[in-house]
């Protein structure tokens, strides 16, 4: 009888400890499950991106759907050739400046590229696609240290996409033409991310720690709205001459900006000038996030 009583006392003393152990195991399992779920959610936040022949086919389809393929045939072929080289080499980012007298045409053209790269997933505001409107940024930060604040906005956009979705990124910079002598230096933020095979972005993680993010999978599109720039059928490098003339200072220095460094990192410049009367297709996959 005494043995039974002793066993009962032992059971009473050890039961709470066993319960605590079991509870701790359950909590640990829940924490692990939550961490895994967060990883899955984070991974799912990145849009699926199309590659290789599938991407090139999609470019043809969406260009034909979104812009006048006959009117802009030469430009579309240049862009497709650039994407082909970038897609199969994938050794450096693709950076293009798009000149146009039509904001609608720029949005339609960009929408075609977005849809070709990511399908319609960009509509859910995935981190893959980041849009920076320089006109809005300058207005938002005109009362502060404008260049410093705008550069930080650019860095945040680069960091958000490159860290979350390193496999493929699309950065769209609108209204580049509004940058003047005082604000042009904000473009220096792109010098490292667009630096050929060494393209990278230095992310500051706090406490002095930094991380280099690879930019070779990035596509940069710079929208330059201009009524008359150069003949779309002019020599291939005319767009570089145009930018150099436009961005070279003639009087004074506010903050140093060397246009050669930025222009030299651009892969291509293309002209998308709309005729006086033009009808743009506005079907599915032709609406850029920039125009929403």
Foldseek 3Di string as FASTA:
>chain_A
DVVVVVVVVVCVVCVVVVVVVVVVVVVVVVVVVVVVVVVVVLLVLAFDWDADPQLLVLLVVLCVQWFPCVVCVVQSVVVSVQRNVLRVVLLFEAEEEEEEQDPLSVQLNVLSNCCSTGNCSCVVVRLQEEEAEVVVLCVVCVPHPSLVSSLVVVLVSCCSNLVRPVQAHEYEYEAPVVADQQNVCSLVSCLQCLVGSRRWHWADPPPRDIDTGHNSRYYYYYYHHDQDQDPQPDDQCSVLVSQCVRHDDDDDHNDDDDSCSNSVSHPGYGYDYDDPDDDTRDDPSRGHPVND
